[in-house]
PDB file of N, CA and C in Angstrom:
ATOM      1  N   UNK A   1       0.817  -1.191   0.000  1.00  0.00           N
ATOM      2  CA  UNK A   1       0.000   0.000   0.000  1.00  0.00           C
ATOM      3  C   UNK A   1       0.859   1.253   0.000  1.00  0.00           C
ATOM      4  N   UNK A   2       1.960   1.244   0.749  1.00  0.00           N
ATOM      5  CA  UNK A   2       2.818   2.423   0.845  1.00  0.00           C
ATOM      6  C   UNK A   2       3.519   2.698  -0.476  1.00  0.00           C
ATOM      7  N   UNK A   3       3.920   1.631  -1.191  1.00  0.00           N
ATOM      8  CA  UNK A   3       4.569   1.830  -2.481  1.00  0.00           C
ATOM      9  C   UNK A   3       3.610   2.449  -3.488  1.00  0.00           C
ATOM     10  N   UNK A   4       2.375   2.042  -3.462  1.00  0.00           N
ATOM     11  CA  UNK A   4       1.388   2.561  -4.406  1.00  0.00           C
ATOM     12  C   UNK A   4       1.160   4.055  -4.192  1.00  0.00           C
ATOM     13  N   UNK A   5       1.076   4.501  -2.952  1.00  0.00           N
ATOM     14  CA  UNK A   5       0.815   5.917  -2.689  1.00  0.00           C
ATOM     15  C   UNK A   5       2.031   6.773  -3.026  1.00  0.00           C
ATOM     16  N   UNK A   6       3.247   6.257  -2.885  1.00  0.00           N
ATOM     17  CA  UNK A   6       4.432   7.044  -3.227  1.00  0.00           C
ATOM     18  C   UNK A   6       4.597   7.181  -4.726  1.00  0.00           C
ATOM     19  N   UNK A   7       4.126   6.235  -5.486  1.00  0.00           N
ATOM     20  CA  UNK A   7       4.184   6.313  -6.945  1.00  0.00           C
ATOM     21  C   UNK A   7       2.996   7.101  -7.479  1.00  0.00           C
ATOM     22  N   UNK A   8       1.864   6.941  -6.849  1.00  0.00           N
ATOM     23  CA  UNK A   8       0.643   7.562  -7.353  1.00  0.00           C
ATOM     24  C   UNK A   8       0.629   9.074  -7.151  1.00  0.00           C
ATOM     25  N   UNK A   9       1.191   9.573  -6.076  1.00  0.00           N
ATOM     26  CA  UNK A   9       1.113  11.017  -5.838  1.00  0.00           C
ATOM     27  C   UNK A   9       1.917  11.827  -6.861  1.00  0.00           C
ATOM     28  N   UNK A  10       3.167  11.466  -7.212  1.00  0.00           N
ATOM     29  CA  UNK A  10       3.842  12.232  -8.267  1.00  0.00           C
ATOM     30  C   UNK A  10       3.165  12.069  -9.628  1.00  0.00           C
ATOM     31  N   UNK A  11       2.640  10.886  -9.875  1.00  0.00           N
ATOM     32  CA  UNK A  11       1.940  10.657 -11.133  1.00  0.00           C
ATOM     33  C   UNK A  11       0.669  11.498 -11.200  1.00  0.00           C
ATOM     34  N   UNK A  12      -0.033  11.601 -10.111  1.00  0.00           N
ATOM     35  CA  UNK A  12      -1.246  12.421 -10.056  1.00  0.00           C
ATOM     36  C   UNK A  12      -0.914  13.895 -10.250  1.00  0.00           C
ATOM     37  N   UNK A  13       0.144  14.365  -9.609  1.00  0.00           N
ATOM     38  CA  UNK A  13       0.562  15.764  -9.767  1.00  0.00           C
ATOM     39  C   UNK A  13       0.951  16.034 -11.216  1.00  0.00           C
ATOM     40  N   UNK A  14       1.702  15.116 -11.819  1.00  0.00           N
ATOM     41  CA  UNK A  14       2.089  15.282 -13.216  1.00  0.00           C
ATOM     42  C   UNK A  14       0.862  15.309 -14.124  1.00  0.00           C
ATOM     43  N   UNK A  15      -0.082  14.443 -13.892  1.00  0.00           N
ATOM     44  CA  UNK A  15      -1.290  14.391 -14.711  1.00  0.00           C
ATOM     45  C   UNK A  15      -2.102  15.680 -14.580  1.00  0.00           C
ATOM     46  N   UNK A  16      -2.225  16.202 -13.377  1.00  0.00           N
ATOM     47  CA  UNK A  16      -2.968  17.451 -13.162  1.00  0.00           C
ATOM     48  C   UNK A  16      -2.268  18.610 -13.859  1.00  0.00           C
ATOM     49  N   UNK A  17      -0.938  18.696 -13.715  1.00  0.00           N
ATOM     50  CA  UNK A  17      -0.193  19.764 -14.388  1.00  0.00           C
ATOM     51  C   UNK A  17      -0.309  19.651 -15.904  1.00  0.00           C
ATOM     52  N   UNK A  18      -0.228  18.447 -16.418  1.00  0.00           N
ATOM     53  CA  UNK A  18      -0.351  18.244 -17.858  1.00  0.00           C
ATOM     54  C   UNK A  18      -1.719  18.693 -18.358  1.00  0.00           C
ATOM     55  N   UNK A  19      -2.762  18.342 -17.640  1.00  0.00           N
ATOM     56  CA  UNK A  19      -4.109  18.726 -18.050  1.00  0.00           C
ATOM     57  C   UNK A  19      -4.334  20.233 -17.935  1.00  0.00           C
ATOM     58  N   UNK A  20      -3.678  20.884 -16.984  1.00  0.00           N
ATOM     59  CA  UNK A  20      -3.807  22.334 -16.855  1.00  0.00           C
ATOM     60  C   UNK A  20      -3.038  23.078 -17.942  1.00  0.00           C
ATOM     61  N   UNK A  21      -1.916  22.528 -18.373  1.00  0.00           N
ATOM     62  CA  UNK A  21      -1.096  23.190 -19.384  1.00  0.00           C
ATOM     63  C   UNK A  21      -1.541  22.884 -20.808  1.00  0.00           C
ATOM     64  N   UNK A  22      -2.332  21.886 -20.997  1.00  0.00           N
ATOM     65  CA  UNK A  22      -2.778  21.503 -22.333  1.00  0.00           C
ATOM     66  C   UNK A  22      -3.566  22.605 -23.039  1.00  0.00           C
ATOM     67  N   UNK A  23      -4.525  23.274 -22.410  1.00  0.00           N
ATOM     68  CA  UNK A  23      -5.252  24.339 -23.115  1.00  0.00           C
ATOM     69  C   UNK A  23      -4.369  25.529 -23.485  1.00  0.00           C
ATOM     70  N   UNK A  24      -3.321  25.782 -22.729  1.00  0.00           N
ATOM     71  CA  UNK A  24      -2.446  26.908 -23.049  1.00  0.00           C
ATOM     72  C   UNK A  24      -1.758  26.695 -24.385  1.00  0.00           C
ATOM     73  N   UNK A  25      -1.327  25.492 -24.660  1.00  0.00           N
ATOM     74  CA  UNK A  25      -0.636  25.230 -25.916  1.00  0.00           C
ATOM     75  C   UNK A  25      -1.614  25.178 -27.081  1.00  0.00           C
ATOM     76  N   UNK A  26      -2.831  24.783 -26.846  1.00  0.00           N
ATOM     77  CA  UNK A  26      -3.781  24.691 -27.949  1.00  0.00           C
ATOM     78  C   UNK A  26      -4.310  26.056 -28.367  1.00  0.00           C
ATOM     79  N   UNK A  27      -4.260  27.055 -27.482  1.00  0.00           N
ATOM     80  CA  UNK A  27      -4.737  28.388 -27.831  1.00  0.00           C
ATOM     81  C   UNK A  27      -3.652  29.233 -28.477  1.00  0.00           C
ATOM     82  N   UNK A  28      -2.415  28.838 -28.389  1.00  0.00           N
ATOM     83  CA  UNK A  28      -1.319  29.622 -28.933  1.00  0.00           C
ATOM     84  C   UNK A  28      -1.000  29.147 -30.340  1.00  0.00           C
ATOM     85  N   UNK A  29      -1.886  29.447 -31.261  1.00  0.00           N
ATOM     86  CA  UNK A  29      -1.652  29.047 -32.640  1.00  0.00           C
ATOM     87  C   UNK A  29      -1.925  30.229 -33.555  1.00  0.00           C
ATOM     88  N   UNK A  30      -1.318  30.215 -34.706  1.00  0.00           N
ATOM     89  CA  UNK A  30      -1.492  31.281 -35.679  1.00  0.00           C
ATOM     90  C   UNK A  30      -2.707  30.947 -36.532  1.00  0.00           C
ATOM     91  N   UNK A  31      -3.611  31.875 -36.603  1.00  0.00           N
ATOM     92  CA  UNK A  31      -4.794  31.678 -37.428  1.00  0.00           C
ATOM     93  C   UNK A  31      -4.608  32.434 -38.737  1.00  0.00           C
ATOM     94  N   UNK A  32      -4.764  31.738 -39.829  1.00  0.00           N
ATOM     95  CA  UNK A  32      -4.633  32.358 -41.136  1.00  0.00           C
ATOM     96  C   UNK A  32      -6.003  32.832 -41.600  1.00  0.00           C
ATOM     97  N   UNK A  33      -6.000  33.936 -42.327  1.00  0.00           N
ATOM     98  CA  UNK A  33      -7.264  34.463 -42.839  1.00  0.00           C
ATOM     99  C   UNK A  33      -7.759  33.573 -43.973  1.00  0.00           C
ATOM    100  N   UNK A  34      -9.010  33.267 -43.918  1.00  0.00           N
ATOM    101  CA  UNK A  34      -9.604  32.452 -44.962  1.00  0.00           C
ATOM    102  C   UNK A  34     -10.367  33.352 -45.923  1.00  0.00           C
ATOM    103  N   UNK A  35     -10.864  32.765 -46.969  1.00  0.00           N
ATOM    104  CA  UNK A  35     -11.626  33.534 -47.958  1.00  0.00           C
ATOM    105  C   UNK A  35     -12.894  34.119 -47.351  1.00  0.00           C
ATOM    106  N   UNK A  36     -13.521  33.386 -46.431  1.00  0.00           N
ATOM    107  CA  UNK A  36     -14.746  33.905 -45.815  1.00  0.00           C
ATOM    108  C   UNK A  36     -14.446  35.118 -44.945  1.00  0.00           C
ATOM    109  N   UNK A  37     -13.262  35.148 -44.298  1.00  0.00           N
ATOM    110  CA  UNK A  37     -12.875  36.323 -43.519  1.00  0.00           C
ATOM    111  C   UNK A  37     -12.681  37.531 -44.424  1.00  0.00           C
ATOM    112  N   UNK A  38     -12.016  37.318 -45.555  1.00  0.00           N
ATOM    113  CA  UNK A  38     -11.791  38.416 -46.494  1.00  0.00           C
ATOM    114  C   UNK A  38     -13.120  38.915 -47.050  1.00  0.00           C
ATOM    115  N   UNK A  39     -14.044  37.985 -47.268  1.00  0.00           N
ATOM    116  CA  UNK A  39     -15.342  38.370 -47.792  1.00  0.00           C
ATOM    117  C   UNK A  39     -16.120  39.178 -46.764  1.00  0.00           C
ATOM    118  N   UNK A  40     -16.026  38.811 -45.490  1.00  0.00           N
ATOM    119  CA  UNK A  40     -16.759  39.549 -44.463  1.00  0.00           C
ATOM    120  C   UNK A  40     -16.213  40.963 -44.320  1.00  0.00           C
ATOM    121  N   UNK A  41     -14.904  41.150 -44.516  1.00  0.00           N
ATOM    122  CA  UNK A  41     -14.325  42.495 -44.473  1.00  0.00           C
ATOM    123  C   UNK A  41     -14.861  43.322 -45.627  1.00  0.00           C
ATOM    124  N   UNK A  42     -14.912  42.741 -46.817  1.00  0.00           N
ATOM    125  CA  UNK A  42     -15.420  43.496 -47.960  1.00  0.00           C
ATOM    126  C   UNK A  42     -16.914  43.757 -47.814  1.00  0.00           C
ATOM    127  N   UNK A  43     -17.655  42.826 -47.201  1.00  0.00           N
ATOM    128  CA  UNK A  43     -19.081  43.055 -46.960  1.00  0.00           C
ATOM    129  C   UNK A  43     -19.298  44.201 -45.985  1.00  0.00           C
ATOM    130  N   UNK A  44     -18.493  44.269 -44.937  1.00  0.00           N
ATOM    131  CA  UNK A  44     -18.656  45.355 -43.971  1.00  0.00           C
ATOM    132  C   UNK A  44     -18.259  46.688 -44.589  1.00  0.00           C
ATOM    133  N   UNK A  45     -17.240  46.693 -45.444  1.00  0.00           N
ATOM    134  CA  UNK A  45     -16.871  47.933 -46.128  1.00  0.00           C
ATOM    135  C   UNK A  45     -17.986  48.368 -47.073  1.00  0.00           C
ATOM    136  N   UNK A  46     -18.597  47.421 -47.738  1.00  0.00           N
ATOM    137  CA  UNK A  46     -19.713  47.742 -48.632  1.00  0.00           C
ATOM    138  C   UNK A  46     -20.888  48.317 -47.840  1.00  0.00           C
ATOM    139  N   UNK A  47     -21.176  47.735 -46.688  1.00  0.00           N
ATOM    140  CA  UNK A  47     -22.254  48.226 -45.840  1.00  0.00           C
ATOM    141  C   UNK A  47     -21.965  49.644 -45.353  1.00  0.00           C
ATOM    142  N   UNK A  48     -20.730  49.908 -44.947  1.00  0.00           N
ATOM    143  CA  UNK A  48     -20.373  51.258 -44.510  1.00  0.00           C
ATOM    144  C   UNK A  48     -20.543  52.265 -45.643  1.00  0.00           C
ATOM    145  N   UNK A  49     -20.153  51.875 -46.858  1.00  0.00           N
ATOM    146  CA  UNK A  49     -20.342  52.772 -48.008  1.00  0.00           C
ATOM    147  C   UNK A  49     -21.823  53.039 -48.247  1.00  0.00           C
ATOM    148  N   UNK A  50     -22.657  52.004 -48.134  1.00  0.00           N
ATOM    149  CA  UNK A  50     -24.096  52.188 -48.338  1.00  0.00           C
ATOM    150  C   UNK A  50     -24.708  53.091 -47.275  1.00  0.00           C
ATOM    151  N   UNK A  51     -24.166  53.061 -46.062  1.00  0.00           N
ATOM    152  CA  UNK A  51     -24.682  53.906 -44.988  1.00  0.00           C
ATOM    153  C   UNK A  51     -24.165  55.337 -45.068  1.00  0.00           C
ATOM    154  N   UNK A  52     -23.292  55.614 -46.026  1.00  0.00           N
ATOM    155  CA  UNK A  52     -22.838  56.980 -46.246  1.00  0.00           C
ATOM    156  C   UNK A  52     -21.531  57.344 -45.579  1.00  0.00           C
ATOM    157  N   UNK A  53     -20.807  56.367 -45.075  1.00  0.00           N
ATOM    158  CA  UNK A  53     -19.519  56.653 -44.446  1.00  0.00           C
ATOM    159  C   UNK A  53     -18.424  56.694 -45.500  1.00  0.00           C
ATOM    160  N   UNK A  54     -17.472  57.598 -45.311  1.00  0.00           N
ATOM    161  CA  UNK A  54     -16.309  57.681 -46.184  1.00  0.00           C
ATOM    162  C   UNK A  54     -15.212  56.806 -45.584  1.00  0.00           C
ATOM    163  N   UNK A  55     -14.850  55.727 -46.271  1.00  0.00           N
ATOM    164  CA  UNK A  55     -13.890  54.773 -45.723  1.00  0.00           C
ATOM    165  C   UNK A  55     -12.510  55.385 -45.539  1.00  0.00           C
ATOM    166  N   UNK A  56     -12.119  56.295 -46.442  1.00  0.00           N
ATOM    167  CA  UNK A  56     -10.810  56.931 -46.310  1.00  0.00           C
ATOM    168  C   UNK A  56     -10.767  57.811 -45.066  1.00  0.00           C
ATOM    169  N   UNK A  57     -11.862  58.516 -44.815  1.00  0.00           N
ATOM    170  CA  UNK A  57     -11.914  59.379 -43.638  1.00  0.00           C
ATOM    171  C   UNK A  57     -11.932  58.531 -42.352  1.00  0.00           C
ATOM    172  N   UNK A  58     -12.655  57.428 -42.358  1.00  0.00           N
ATOM    173  CA  UNK A  58     -12.667  56.543 -41.193  1.00  0.00           C
ATOM    174  C   UNK A  58     -11.279  55.965 -40.920  1.00  0.00           C
ATOM    175  N   UNK A  59     -10.570  55.608 -41.985  1.00  0.00           N
ATOM    176  CA  UNK A  59      -9.219  55.071 -41.828  1.00  0.00           C
ATOM    177  C   UNK A  59      -8.291  56.136 -41.260  1.00  0.00           C
ATOM    178  N   UNK A  60      -8.468  57.394 -41.700  1.00  0.00           N
ATOM    179  CA  UNK A  60      -7.635  58.482 -41.195  1.00  0.00           C
ATOM    180  C   UNK A  60      -7.917  58.715 -39.711  1.00  0.00           C
ATOM    181  N   UNK A  61      -9.190  58.684 -39.309  1.00  0.00           N
ATOM    182  CA  UNK A  61      -9.537  58.831 -37.894  1.00  0.00           C
ATOM    183  C   UNK A  61      -8.943  57.697 -37.064  1.00  0.00           C
ATOM    184  N   UNK A  62      -9.000  56.498 -37.608  1.00  0.00           N
ATOM    185  CA  UNK A  62      -8.460  55.344 -36.898  1.00  0.00           C
ATOM    186  C   UNK A  62      -6.949  55.483 -36.723  1.00  0.00           C
ATOM    187  N   UNK A  63      -6.263  55.929 -37.765  1.00  0.00           N
ATOM    188  CA  UNK A  63      -4.813  56.088 -37.672  1.00  0.00           C
ATOM    189  C   UNK A  63      -4.440  57.201 -36.708  1.00  0.00           C
ATOM    190  N   UNK A  64      -5.192  58.298 -36.698  1.00  0.00           N
ATOM    191  CA  UNK A  64      -4.855  59.398 -35.801  1.00  0.00           C
ATOM    192  C   UNK A  64      -5.159  59.039 -34.348  1.00  0.00           C
ATOM    193  N   UNK A  65      -6.119  58.167 -34.120  1.00  0.00           N
ATOM    194  CA  UNK A  65      -6.463  57.771 -32.752  1.00  0.00           C
ATOM    195  C   UNK A  65      -5.430  56.821 -32.159  1.00  0.00           C
ATOM    196  N   UNK A  66      -4.696  56.102 -32.998  1.00  0.00           N
ATOM    197  CA  UNK A  66      -3.738  55.129 -32.496  1.00  0.00           C
ATOM    198  C   UNK A  66      -2.313  55.653 -32.457  1.00  0.00           C
ATOM    199  N   UNK A  67      -2.098  56.885 -32.876  1.00  0.00           N
ATOM    200  CA  UNK A  67      -0.741  57.438 -32.835  1.00  0.00           C
ATOM    201  C   UNK A  67      -0.323  57.655 -31.389  1.00  0.00           C
ATOM    202  N   UNK A  68       0.965  57.532 -31.143  1.00  0.00           N
ATOM    203  CA  UNK A  68       1.464  57.690 -29.778  1.00  0.00           C
ATOM    204  C   UNK A  68       2.021  59.083 -29.521  1.00  0.00           C
ATOM    205  N   UNK A  69       1.950  59.995 -30.478  1.00  0.00           N
ATOM    206  CA  UNK A  69       2.510  61.326 -30.269  1.00  0.00           C
ATOM    207  C   UNK A  69       1.483  62.309 -29.719  1.00  0.00           C
ATOM    208  N   UNK A  70       0.347  61.810 -29.256  1.00  0.00           N
ATOM    209  CA  UNK A  70      -0.656  62.693 -28.670  1.00  0.00           C
ATOM    210  C   UNK A  70      -0.164  63.212 -27.332  1.00  0.00           C
ATOM    211  N   UNK A  71      -0.533  64.447 -27.017  1.00  0.00           N
ATOM    212  CA  UNK A  71      -0.101  65.068 -25.777  1.00  0.00           C
ATOM    213  C   UNK A  71      -1.244  65.012 -24.780  1.00  0.00           C
ATOM    214  N   UNK A  72      -0.932  64.582 -23.572  1.00  0.00           N
ATOM    215  CA  UNK A  72      -1.971  64.534 -22.546  1.00  0.00           C
ATOM    216  C   UNK A  72      -2.164  65.922 -21.959  1.00  0.00           C
ATOM    217  N   UNK A  73      -3.338  66.212 -21.442  1.00  0.00           N
ATOM    218  CA  UNK A  73      -3.579  67.532 -20.857  1.00  0.00           C
ATOM    219  C   UNK A  73      -2.740  67.729 -19.599  1.00  0.00           C
ATOM    220  N   UNK A  74      -2.574  68.968 -19.213  1.00  0.00           N
ATOM    221  CA  UNK A  74      -1.720  69.295 -18.082  1.00  0.00           C
ATOM    222  C   UNK A  74      -2.308  68.951 -16.736  1.00  0.00           C
ATOM    223  N   UNK A  75      -3.522  68.520 -16.672  1.00  0.00           N
ATOM    224  CA  UNK A  75      -4.151  68.187 -15.402  1.00  0.00           C
ATOM    225  C   UNK A  75      -5.178  69.235 -15.030  1.00  0.00           C
ATOM    226  N   UNK A  76      -5.732  69.136 -13.844  1.00  0.00           N
ATOM    227  CA  UNK A  76      -6.770  70.086 -13.445  1.00  0.00           C
ATOM    228  C   UNK A  76      -6.190  71.487 -13.227  1.00  0.00           C
ATOM    229  N   UNK A  77      -7.008  72.461 -13.467  1.00  0.00           N
ATOM    230  CA  UNK A  77      -6.611  73.853 -13.281  1.00  0.00           C
ATOM    231  C   UNK A  77      -6.579  74.148 -11.782  1.00  0.00           C
ATOM    232  N   UNK A  78      -5.438  74.597 -11.232  1.00  0.00           N
ATOM    233  CA  UNK A  78      -5.388  74.863  -9.795  1.00  0.00           C
ATOM    234  C   UNK A  78      -6.283  76.028  -9.382  1.00  0.00           C
ATOM    235  N   UNK A  79      -6.640  76.907 -10.293  1.00  0.00           N
ATOM    236  CA  UNK A  79      -7.500  78.047  -9.994  1.00  0.00           C
ATOM    237  C   UNK A  79      -8.981  77.676 -10.029  1.00  0.00           C
ATOM    238  N   UNK A  80      -9.288  76.461 -10.416  1.00  0.00           N
ATOM    239  CA  UNK A  80     -10.678  76.068 -10.669  1.00  0.00           C
ATOM    240  C   UNK A  80     -11.559  76.144  -9.419  1.00  0.00           C
ATOM    241  N   UNK A  81     -11.064  75.727  -8.277  1.00  0.00           N
ATOM    242  CA  UNK A  81     -11.897  75.647  -7.075  1.00  0.00           C
ATOM    243  C   UNK A  81     -11.787  76.869  -6.176  1.00  0.00           C
ATOM    244  N   UNK A  82     -11.075  77.916  -6.580  1.00  0.00           N
ATOM    245  CA  UNK A  82     -10.926  79.100  -5.729  1.00  0.00           C
ATOM    246  C   UNK A  82     -11.793  80.224  -6.180  1.00  0.00           C
TER     247      UNK A  82
END
């Protein structure tokens, strides 16, 4: 009985660790764009055009929003509460 428990406990720990680490490796994969993904992008662009949005202007807004050279405000005005 004592031999079984000394072998079983490391085996059980290994099995639990293996089962916990298995989903981590399965989620770390590169997904390639398929034709249906490309089609959905073109469908959404077509829908935006039909709704009257200018795609070039939207792209420019998106690029300006993600730039890192934006300046943060100086903080609250110290004269505000006096």
